[in-house]
N, C-alpha and C. Protein backbone atom coordinates (compact mmCIF):
# COMPACT_ATOMS: atom_id res chain seq x y z
N MET A 1 76.18 98.58 104.73
CA MET A 1 75.86 99.91 103.85
C MET A 1 75.45 99.55 102.63
N ASN A 2 74.30 100.17 102.33
CA ASN A 2 73.31 99.98 101.06
C ASN A 2 73.39 101.06 100.31
N LEU A 3 74.42 101.20 99.20
CA LEU A 3 74.65 102.22 98.33
C LEU A 3 73.77 102.21 97.10
N SER A 4 73.27 103.19 96.73
CA SER A 4 72.52 103.31 95.44
C SER A 4 73.39 103.08 94.22
N VAL A 5 72.94 102.69 93.08
CA VAL A 5 73.65 102.47 91.98
C VAL A 5 74.28 103.74 91.56
N SER A 6 73.73 104.86 91.56
CA SER A 6 74.11 106.28 91.10
C SER A 6 75.32 106.65 92.26
N THR A 7 75.21 106.30 93.34
CA THR A 7 76.24 106.55 94.25
C THR A 7 77.56 105.64 93.90
N ILE A 8 77.44 104.48 93.57
CA ILE A 8 78.44 103.55 93.26
C ILE A 8 79.16 104.04 91.90
N LEU A 9 78.38 104.59 91.04
CA LEU A 9 78.78 105.09 89.82
C LEU A 9 79.75 106.24 90.01
N LEU A 10 79.30 107.24 90.87
CA LEU A 10 80.02 108.34 91.11
C LEU A 10 81.49 108.05 91.88
N TYR A 11 81.32 107.13 92.86
CA TYR A 11 82.65 106.75 93.64
C TYR A 11 83.42 106.04 92.75
N SER A 12 82.87 105.36 91.73
CA SER A 12 83.91 104.50 90.99
C SER A 12 84.67 105.47 89.95
N ILE A 13 84.19 106.71 89.69
CA ILE A 13 84.72 107.54 88.78
C ILE A 13 85.87 108.16 89.62
N VAL A 14 85.69 108.51 90.92
CA VAL A 14 86.69 108.85 91.87
C VAL A 14 87.79 107.89 91.91
N GLY A 15 87.39 106.63 92.06
CA GLY A 15 88.05 105.50 92.30
C GLY A 15 89.12 105.25 91.03
N ALA A 16 88.53 105.41 89.72
CA ALA A 16 89.10 105.32 88.49
C ALA A 16 90.38 106.38 88.44
N VAL A 17 90.07 107.42 88.94
CA VAL A 17 90.97 108.65 88.95
C VAL A 17 92.32 108.27 89.72
N VAL A 18 91.95 107.84 91.03
CA VAL A 18 92.96 107.42 91.94
C VAL A 18 93.70 106.18 91.34
N LEU A 19 93.06 105.11 90.80
CA LEU A 19 93.82 104.18 90.25
C LEU A 19 94.55 104.37 89.05
N ALA A 20 94.20 105.43 88.27
CA ALA A 20 94.89 105.91 87.09
C ALA A 20 96.52 106.54 87.57
N TYR A 21 96.40 107.28 88.73
CA TYR A 21 97.58 107.83 89.31
C TYR A 21 98.29 106.95 90.20
N ALA A 22 97.72 105.91 90.63
CA ALA A 22 98.47 105.10 91.62
C ALA A 22 99.79 104.50 91.14
N PRO A 23 99.76 104.02 89.93
CA PRO A 23 101.20 103.61 89.49
C PRO A 23 102.23 104.51 89.48
N PHE A 24 101.87 105.86 89.37
CA PHE A 24 102.99 106.88 89.36
C PHE A 24 103.61 107.08 90.65
N LEU A 25 103.09 106.35 91.86
CA LEU A 25 103.87 106.31 92.94
C LEU A 25 105.14 105.22 92.80
N VAL A 26 104.96 104.36 91.96
CA VAL A 26 106.05 103.53 91.60
C VAL A 26 106.94 104.14 90.74
N VAL A 27 106.39 104.85 89.77
CA VAL A 27 107.51 105.65 88.99
C VAL A 27 108.30 106.57 89.77
N ALA A 28 107.66 107.19 90.64
CA ALA A 28 108.33 108.23 91.66
C ALA A 28 109.53 107.51 92.42
N TRP A 29 109.24 106.26 92.90
CA TRP A 29 110.18 105.48 93.81
C TRP A 29 111.31 105.06 92.51
N GLY A 30 110.94 104.73 91.37
CA GLY A 30 111.93 104.37 90.38
C GLY A 30 112.94 105.67 90.07
N ARG A 31 112.36 106.76 89.95
CA ARG A 31 113.01 107.96 89.82
C ARG A 31 113.93 108.37 90.75
N LEU A 32 113.64 108.15 92.11
CA LEU A 32 114.41 108.37 93.18
C LEU A 32 115.64 107.44 93.04
N LYS A 33 115.41 106.06 92.90
CA LYS A 33 116.37 105.08 92.67
C LYS A 33 117.45 105.57 91.62
N ALA A 34 116.94 106.10 90.54
CA ALA A 34 117.86 106.31 89.23
C ALA A 34 118.47 107.66 89.43
N GLY A 35 117.97 108.49 90.36
CA GLY A 35 118.60 109.70 90.48
C GLY A 35 117.81 110.86 89.79
N TYR A 36 116.87 111.30 90.38
CA TYR A 36 115.88 112.29 89.77
C TYR A 36 116.51 113.38 89.22
N ASP A 37 116.19 113.65 87.96
CA ASP A 37 116.81 114.74 87.41
C ASP A 37 115.50 115.88 87.00
N GLN A 38 115.47 116.74 88.01
CA GLN A 38 114.33 117.77 88.03
C GLN A 38 114.37 118.51 86.83
N ALA A 39 115.50 118.91 86.07
CA ALA A 39 115.64 119.60 84.93
C ALA A 39 114.94 119.12 83.61
N ALA A 40 115.01 117.51 83.60
CA ALA A 40 114.64 116.87 82.65
C ALA A 40 113.87 115.62 83.04
N PRO A 41 112.77 115.69 83.62
CA PRO A 41 112.11 114.39 84.22
C PRO A 41 111.70 113.40 83.25
N ARG A 42 111.06 113.99 82.01
CA ARG A 42 110.78 112.78 80.96
C ARG A 42 112.00 112.43 80.32
N ALA A 43 113.13 113.08 80.20
CA ALA A 43 114.21 112.35 79.56
C ALA A 43 115.02 111.31 80.31
N MET A 44 114.64 111.07 81.59
CA MET A 44 115.27 110.06 82.46
C MET A 44 114.44 108.76 82.17
N PHE A 45 113.63 108.58 81.40
CA PHE A 45 112.88 107.55 81.31
C PHE A 45 113.68 106.13 80.95
N ASP A 46 114.62 106.36 80.14
CA ASP A 46 115.53 105.26 79.80
C ASP A 46 116.46 104.72 81.03
N LYS A 47 116.63 105.67 81.91
CA LYS A 47 117.30 105.39 83.13
C LYS A 47 116.58 104.69 84.20
N LEU A 48 115.34 104.70 84.16
CA LEU A 48 114.59 103.99 85.10
C LEU A 48 114.59 102.52 85.16
N PRO A 49 114.47 101.79 86.31
CA PRO A 49 114.42 100.40 86.11
C PRO A 49 113.21 99.77 85.48
N PRO A 50 113.22 98.64 84.96
CA PRO A 50 112.17 98.16 84.09
C PRO A 50 110.81 98.06 84.89
N TYR A 51 110.75 97.92 86.10
CA TYR A 51 109.43 98.03 86.84
C TYR A 51 108.95 99.40 86.84
N ALA A 52 109.78 100.36 86.74
CA ALA A 52 109.27 101.75 86.93
C ALA A 52 108.95 102.33 85.37
N GLN A 53 109.49 101.78 84.48
CA GLN A 53 109.14 101.98 82.94
C GLN A 53 107.77 101.29 82.90
N ARG A 54 107.50 100.20 83.28
CA ARG A 54 106.10 99.52 83.21
C ARG A 54 105.12 100.28 83.89
N ALA A 55 105.50 100.83 85.03
CA ALA A 55 104.55 101.57 85.82
C ALA A 55 104.26 103.12 85.24
N THR A 56 105.04 103.47 84.41
CA THR A 56 104.79 104.71 83.63
C THR A 56 103.62 104.19 82.45
N TRP A 57 103.89 103.19 81.88
CA TRP A 57 103.08 102.74 80.87
C TRP A 57 101.71 102.38 81.46
N ALA A 58 101.69 101.79 82.81
CA ALA A 58 100.41 101.56 83.41
C ALA A 58 99.52 102.79 83.74
N HIS A 59 100.36 103.78 84.06
CA HIS A 59 99.79 105.11 84.38
C HIS A 59 99.15 105.81 83.25
N GLN A 60 100.13 105.66 82.08
CA GLN A 60 99.50 106.15 80.87
C GLN A 60 98.30 105.56 80.47
N ASN A 61 98.33 104.26 80.43
CA ASN A 61 97.15 103.42 80.02
C ASN A 61 95.97 103.70 81.11
N GLY A 62 96.07 103.95 82.27
CA GLY A 62 95.17 104.17 83.26
C GLY A 62 94.46 105.59 82.88
N LEU A 63 95.19 106.71 82.59
CA LEU A 63 94.69 108.00 81.95
C LEU A 63 93.71 107.54 80.79
N GLU A 64 94.15 106.73 79.78
CA GLU A 64 93.51 106.44 78.62
C GLU A 64 92.05 105.71 78.99
N ALA A 65 92.13 104.71 79.81
CA ALA A 65 90.93 103.95 80.16
C ALA A 65 90.08 104.95 81.17
N LEU A 66 90.66 105.94 81.79
CA LEU A 66 89.81 106.77 82.68
C LEU A 66 88.88 107.68 81.71
N ILE A 67 89.30 107.90 80.50
CA ILE A 67 88.49 108.68 79.51
C ILE A 67 87.29 107.93 79.31
N ILE A 68 87.51 106.83 78.73
CA ILE A 68 86.19 106.01 78.27
C ILE A 68 85.45 105.61 79.47
N TYR A 69 85.95 105.23 80.64
CA TYR A 69 85.14 104.63 81.64
C TYR A 69 84.47 105.73 82.29
N GLY A 70 85.17 106.89 82.52
CA GLY A 70 84.67 108.04 83.30
C GLY A 70 83.24 108.59 82.26
N LEU A 71 83.37 108.61 80.93
CA LEU A 71 82.42 108.81 80.21
C LEU A 71 81.16 108.11 80.31
N ALA A 72 81.58 106.63 80.34
CA ALA A 72 80.45 105.75 80.25
C ALA A 72 79.72 105.67 81.78
N ALA A 73 80.43 106.05 82.86
CA ALA A 73 80.03 105.94 84.20
C ALA A 73 79.02 107.21 84.29
N LEU A 74 79.41 108.47 83.60
CA LEU A 74 78.78 109.50 83.93
C LEU A 74 77.40 109.41 83.01
N MET A 75 77.50 108.72 81.76
CA MET A 75 76.45 108.52 80.98
C MET A 75 75.28 107.59 81.73
N ALA A 76 75.94 106.55 82.38
CA ALA A 76 74.94 105.85 83.16
C ALA A 76 74.25 106.55 84.21
N TYR A 77 75.15 107.52 84.94
CA TYR A 77 74.58 108.26 86.02
C TYR A 77 73.48 109.27 85.49
N VAL A 78 73.76 109.90 84.41
CA VAL A 78 72.94 110.90 83.62
C VAL A 78 71.69 110.24 83.45
N THR A 79 71.64 109.18 82.84
CA THR A 79 70.49 108.42 82.41
C THR A 79 69.83 107.73 83.39
N ALA A 80 70.35 107.70 84.54
CA ALA A 80 69.73 107.12 85.82
C ALA A 80 69.62 105.56 85.60
N VAL A 81 70.69 104.98 85.03
CA VAL A 81 70.70 103.37 85.05
C VAL A 81 70.85 102.93 86.56
N ASP A 82 69.90 102.04 86.75
CA ASP A 82 69.68 101.53 88.11
C ASP A 82 69.60 100.01 87.91
N SER A 83 70.59 99.34 87.81
CA SER A 83 70.65 97.92 87.66
C SER A 83 71.80 97.13 88.30
N ASP A 84 71.37 95.93 88.74
CA ASP A 84 72.57 95.28 89.34
C ASP A 84 73.83 95.19 88.10
N TRP A 85 73.31 95.21 86.95
CA TRP A 85 74.54 95.05 86.05
C TRP A 85 75.57 96.31 86.03
N ALA A 86 74.92 97.61 86.27
CA ALA A 86 75.63 98.59 86.25
C ALA A 86 76.39 98.70 87.55
N MET A 87 76.10 98.23 88.69
CA MET A 87 76.78 98.27 89.79
C MET A 87 77.99 97.25 89.87
N LYS A 88 77.63 96.17 89.19
CA LYS A 88 78.75 95.05 88.95
C LYS A 88 79.72 95.54 87.99
N ALA A 89 79.36 96.25 87.11
CA ALA A 89 80.21 96.78 85.90
C ALA A 89 81.27 97.84 86.67
N ALA A 90 80.67 98.67 87.36
CA ALA A 90 81.44 99.71 88.20
C ALA A 90 82.58 99.12 89.00
N ILE A 91 82.12 98.03 89.87
CA ILE A 91 83.16 97.43 90.77
C ILE A 91 84.07 96.48 90.00
N ALA A 92 83.48 95.88 89.17
CA ALA A 92 84.50 95.01 88.26
C ALA A 92 85.53 95.99 87.39
N PHE A 93 85.14 97.20 87.20
CA PHE A 93 86.19 98.11 86.60
C PHE A 93 87.24 98.28 87.51
N LEU A 94 86.85 98.77 88.70
CA LEU A 94 87.89 99.17 89.70
C LEU A 94 88.69 97.79 90.14
N ILE A 95 88.01 96.84 90.27
CA ILE A 95 88.94 95.51 90.47
C ILE A 95 90.00 95.34 89.40
N ALA A 96 89.48 95.40 88.12
CA ALA A 96 90.28 95.02 86.95
C ALA A 96 91.37 96.08 86.85
N ARG A 97 91.13 97.27 87.22
CA ARG A 97 92.28 98.36 86.97
C ARG A 97 93.25 98.19 87.99
N SER A 98 92.78 97.88 89.17
CA SER A 98 93.82 97.55 90.29
C SER A 98 94.60 96.55 89.94
N LEU A 99 94.10 95.35 89.69
CA LEU A 99 94.86 94.17 89.15
C LEU A 99 95.72 94.56 87.97
N TYR A 100 95.08 95.39 87.04
CA TYR A 100 95.97 95.75 85.64
C TYR A 100 97.21 96.25 86.04
N SER A 101 97.30 97.19 87.00
CA SER A 101 98.53 97.98 87.19
C SER A 101 99.42 96.98 88.02
N ILE A 102 98.80 96.09 88.89
CA ILE A 102 99.83 95.15 89.58
C ILE A 102 100.41 94.14 88.44
N PHE A 103 99.61 93.64 87.60
CA PHE A 103 100.17 92.82 86.56
C PHE A 103 101.15 93.53 85.81
N TYR A 104 100.93 94.61 85.34
CA TYR A 104 101.75 95.26 84.47
C TYR A 104 103.03 95.68 85.20
N ILE A 105 102.94 96.16 86.14
CA ILE A 105 104.26 96.35 87.00
C ILE A 105 105.15 95.19 87.24
N SER A 106 104.42 94.25 87.64
CA SER A 106 104.97 92.79 87.81
C SER A 106 105.42 92.04 86.69
N ASN A 107 105.15 92.50 85.38
CA ASN A 107 105.50 91.99 84.25
C ASN A 107 104.61 90.57 83.88
N LEU A 108 103.42 90.73 84.18
CA LEU A 108 102.49 89.44 83.93
C LEU A 108 101.64 89.89 82.88
N PRO A 109 102.12 89.72 81.57
CA PRO A 109 101.38 90.26 80.45
C PRO A 109 99.90 89.64 80.35
N ILE A 110 99.81 88.27 80.38
CA ILE A 110 98.47 87.69 80.30
C ILE A 110 97.72 88.11 81.31
N GLY A 111 98.01 88.39 82.59
CA GLY A 111 96.99 88.89 83.51
C GLY A 111 96.45 90.27 83.10
N ARG A 112 97.54 91.08 82.80
CA ARG A 112 97.41 92.42 82.31
C ARG A 112 96.29 92.55 81.31
N SER A 113 96.64 91.72 80.25
CA SER A 113 95.64 91.78 79.08
C SER A 113 94.23 91.22 79.63
N LEU A 114 94.10 90.25 80.36
CA LEU A 114 92.65 89.79 80.78
C LEU A 114 92.06 90.88 81.65
N MET A 115 92.80 91.76 82.50
CA MET A 115 92.33 92.82 83.36
C MET A 115 91.85 94.01 82.18
N PHE A 116 92.66 94.29 81.32
CA PHE A 116 92.53 95.25 80.39
C PHE A 116 90.98 94.96 79.62
N ALA A 117 90.81 93.60 79.22
CA ALA A 117 89.58 93.30 78.64
C ALA A 117 88.49 93.32 79.66
N LEU A 118 88.78 92.84 80.75
CA LEU A 118 87.49 93.08 81.77
C LEU A 118 87.14 94.50 82.19
N GLY A 119 88.19 95.40 82.24
CA GLY A 119 87.82 96.85 82.50
C GLY A 119 87.26 97.46 81.36
N SER A 120 87.56 97.07 79.98
CA SER A 120 86.92 97.58 78.81
C SER A 120 85.68 97.10 78.72
N LEU A 121 85.31 95.87 78.98
CA LEU A 121 84.01 95.50 78.93
C LEU A 121 83.14 96.08 79.95
N SER A 122 83.52 96.37 81.24
CA SER A 122 82.89 97.13 82.06
C SER A 122 82.37 98.53 81.65
N GLY A 123 83.27 99.14 81.08
CA GLY A 123 82.89 100.59 80.40
C GLY A 123 81.92 100.36 79.26
N TRP A 124 81.90 99.52 78.47
CA TRP A 124 81.14 99.29 77.38
C TRP A 124 79.76 98.79 77.80
N THR A 125 79.65 97.97 79.05
CA THR A 125 78.43 97.53 79.36
C THR A 125 77.61 98.65 79.94
N LEU A 126 78.41 99.67 80.58
CA LEU A 126 77.73 100.90 81.22
C LEU A 126 77.06 101.76 79.90
N PHE A 127 77.84 101.86 78.86
CA PHE A 127 77.51 102.51 77.67
C PHE A 127 76.25 101.84 77.18
N ALA A 128 76.19 100.61 76.88
CA ALA A 128 75.03 99.89 76.52
C ALA A 128 73.88 99.97 77.28
N LEU A 129 74.00 99.86 78.74
CA LEU A 129 72.98 99.96 79.43
C LEU A 129 72.46 101.50 79.54
N SER A 130 73.08 102.40 79.17
CA SER A 130 72.67 103.93 79.20
C SER A 130 71.77 103.98 77.91
N LEU A 131 72.31 103.35 76.89
CA LEU A 131 71.66 103.51 75.58
C LEU A 131 70.31 102.85 75.55
N LEU A 132 70.17 101.45 76.19
CA LEU A 132 69.08 100.86 76.33
C LEU A 132 67.98 101.69 77.22
N LYS A 133 68.51 102.38 78.17
CA LYS A 133 67.71 103.23 79.06
C LYS A 133 66.95 104.08 78.20
N VAL A 134 67.71 104.78 77.34
CA VAL A 134 67.01 106.09 76.70
C VAL A 134 66.25 105.67 75.41
N THR A 135 66.27 104.48 75.01
CA THR A 135 65.58 104.00 74.07
C THR A 135 64.28 103.29 74.32
């Protein structure tokens, strides 16, 4: 299948949304294990097992990363960036964010930090390509 760069950019935004929420499945599992308190779901954070606490942080960071990446990918889409660099940046972001959550939940801080850097670089690459396209 030969997808255009614009199609990959749009699919990568959807993928970024899914990846931002994926760690929440681990949080849900941790809540079940800790005894979910529907009356005060946020107050039970300290009762969660450590892996579920880290999954909460991975989820929150995923939402933060989504804001920047989503804007960068939309900017590249709107400016009709059509380069291998854009395609590679979009794919690298998805791979990096997948591994970021895995490393975070598994408590592997060096891997998590490297994947954060790669994901951030991917977004900033799309910003730069978009700005170069319009100048």
